[in-house]
Structure formats: structure tokens, C-alpha cells
Amino acid sequence: MQNKEKIQTLRSQLQLFLDRLDHLDPEEASLADIDQLIQLIEKMEKDII
């Protein structure tokens, strides 16, 4: 994957992460919700390598 494609993919994933984070109510968040956010971050890490 070229750098330009990697950057675009990373931007899309980051936007998805931020959208989920914005809609997450700290009082209502479950461990599963937090785990999904962590999985998104781990996927972004793998995609930039």
C-alpha cells in the first residue's frame, strides 16, 4: 500500500474512532464499548506499518 493510501485509510479509521468516542456516554459505557475503541486503535497501528 502506498503512503497516500495508508494516510487516507488512517484518516477514515481515525474519523470512525472519533465518531464513536463522541457518541459514547461515559456513564453508560460498557467494557465492550471500550474494548471496541481499543481494537480500532490496534487496527490503526497495524495499518500504518
C-alpha atoms as a PDB file:
ATOM      1  CA  MET A   1       0.000   0.000   0.000  1.00  0.00           C
ATOM      2  CA  GLN A   2       1.350   3.410  -0.929  1.00  0.00           C
ATOM      3  CA  ASN A   3       1.801   6.168   1.615  1.00  0.00           C
ATOM      4  CA  LYS A   4      -1.087   8.176   0.179  1.00  0.00           C
ATOM      5  CA  GLU A   5      -3.429   5.192   0.532  1.00  0.00           C
ATOM      6  CA  LYS A   6      -2.174   4.495   4.057  1.00  0.00           C
ATOM      7  CA  ILE A   7      -2.847   8.080   5.080  1.00  0.00           C
ATOM      8  CA  GLN A   8      -6.364   8.002   3.615  1.00  0.00           C
ATOM      9  CA  THR A   9      -7.120   4.693   5.345  1.00  0.00           C
ATOM     10  CA  LEU A  10      -5.773   6.024   8.625  1.00  0.00           C
ATOM     11  CA  ARG A  11      -7.868   9.180   8.313  1.00  0.00           C
ATOM     12  CA  SER A  12     -11.021   7.131   7.728  1.00  0.00           C
ATOM     13  CA  GLN A  13     -10.306   4.897  10.694  1.00  0.00           C
ATOM     14  CA  LEU A  14      -9.488   7.862  12.906  1.00  0.00           C
ATOM     15  CA  GLN A  15     -12.756   9.554  11.934  1.00  0.00           C
ATOM     16  CA  LEU A  16     -14.659   6.376  12.803  1.00  0.00           C
ATOM     17  CA  PHE A  17     -12.888   6.262  16.160  1.00  0.00           C
ATOM     18  CA  LEU A  18     -13.667   9.910  16.895  1.00  0.00           C
ATOM     19  CA  ASP A  19     -17.319   9.482  15.897  1.00  0.00           C
ATOM     20  CA  ARG A  20     -17.715   6.521  18.248  1.00  0.00           C
ATOM     21  CA  LEU A  21     -15.915   8.367  21.018  1.00  0.00           C
ATOM     22  CA  ASP A  22     -18.128  11.447  20.589  1.00  0.00           C
ATOM     23  CA  HIS A  23     -21.295   9.369  20.873  1.00  0.00           C
ATOM     24  CA  LEU A  24     -20.120   7.386  23.868  1.00  0.00           C
ATOM     25  CA  ASP A  25     -21.761   8.359  27.144  1.00  0.00           C
ATOM     26  CA  PRO A  26     -19.196   7.873  29.937  1.00  0.00           C
ATOM     27  CA  GLU A  27     -21.970   6.980  32.366  1.00  0.00           C
ATOM     28  CA  GLU A  28     -23.367   4.315  30.043  1.00  0.00           C
ATOM     29  CA  ALA A  29     -20.158   2.931  28.503  1.00  0.00           C
ATOM     30  CA  SER A  30     -19.547  -0.757  28.951  1.00  0.00           C
ATOM     31  CA  LEU A  31     -16.302  -2.695  28.858  1.00  0.00           C
ATOM     32  CA  ALA A  32     -17.328  -3.938  25.421  1.00  0.00           C
ATOM     33  CA  ASP A  33     -17.571  -0.329  24.188  1.00  0.00           C
ATOM     34  CA  ILE A  34     -14.087   0.451  25.499  1.00  0.00           C
ATOM     35  CA  ASP A  35     -12.754  -2.797  24.031  1.00  0.00           C
ATOM     36  CA  GLN A  36     -14.101  -1.835  20.599  1.00  0.00           C
ATOM     37  CA  LEU A  37     -12.306   1.508  20.792  1.00  0.00           C
ATOM     38  CA  ILE A  38      -9.067  -0.226  21.750  1.00  0.00           C
ATOM     39  CA  GLN A  39      -9.488  -2.633  18.831  1.00  0.00           C
ATOM     40  CA  LEU A  40      -9.895   0.308  16.467  1.00  0.00           C
ATOM     41  CA  ILE A  41      -6.654   1.830  17.754  1.00  0.00           C
ATOM     42  CA  GLU A  42      -4.842  -1.500  17.371  1.00  0.00           C
ATOM     43  CA  LYS A  43      -6.126  -1.810  13.798  1.00  0.00           C
ATOM     44  CA  MET A  44      -4.831   1.676  13.015  1.00  0.00           C
ATOM     45  CA  GLU A  45      -1.422   0.732  14.424  1.00  0.00           C
ATOM     46  CA  LYS A  46      -1.268  -2.364  12.202  1.00  0.00           C
ATOM     47  CA  ASP A  47      -2.367  -0.439   9.119  1.00  0.00           C
ATOM     48  CA  ILE A  48       0.411   2.142   9.367  1.00  0.00           C
ATOM     49  CA  ILE A  49       3.169  -0.475   9.371  1.00  0.00           C
END
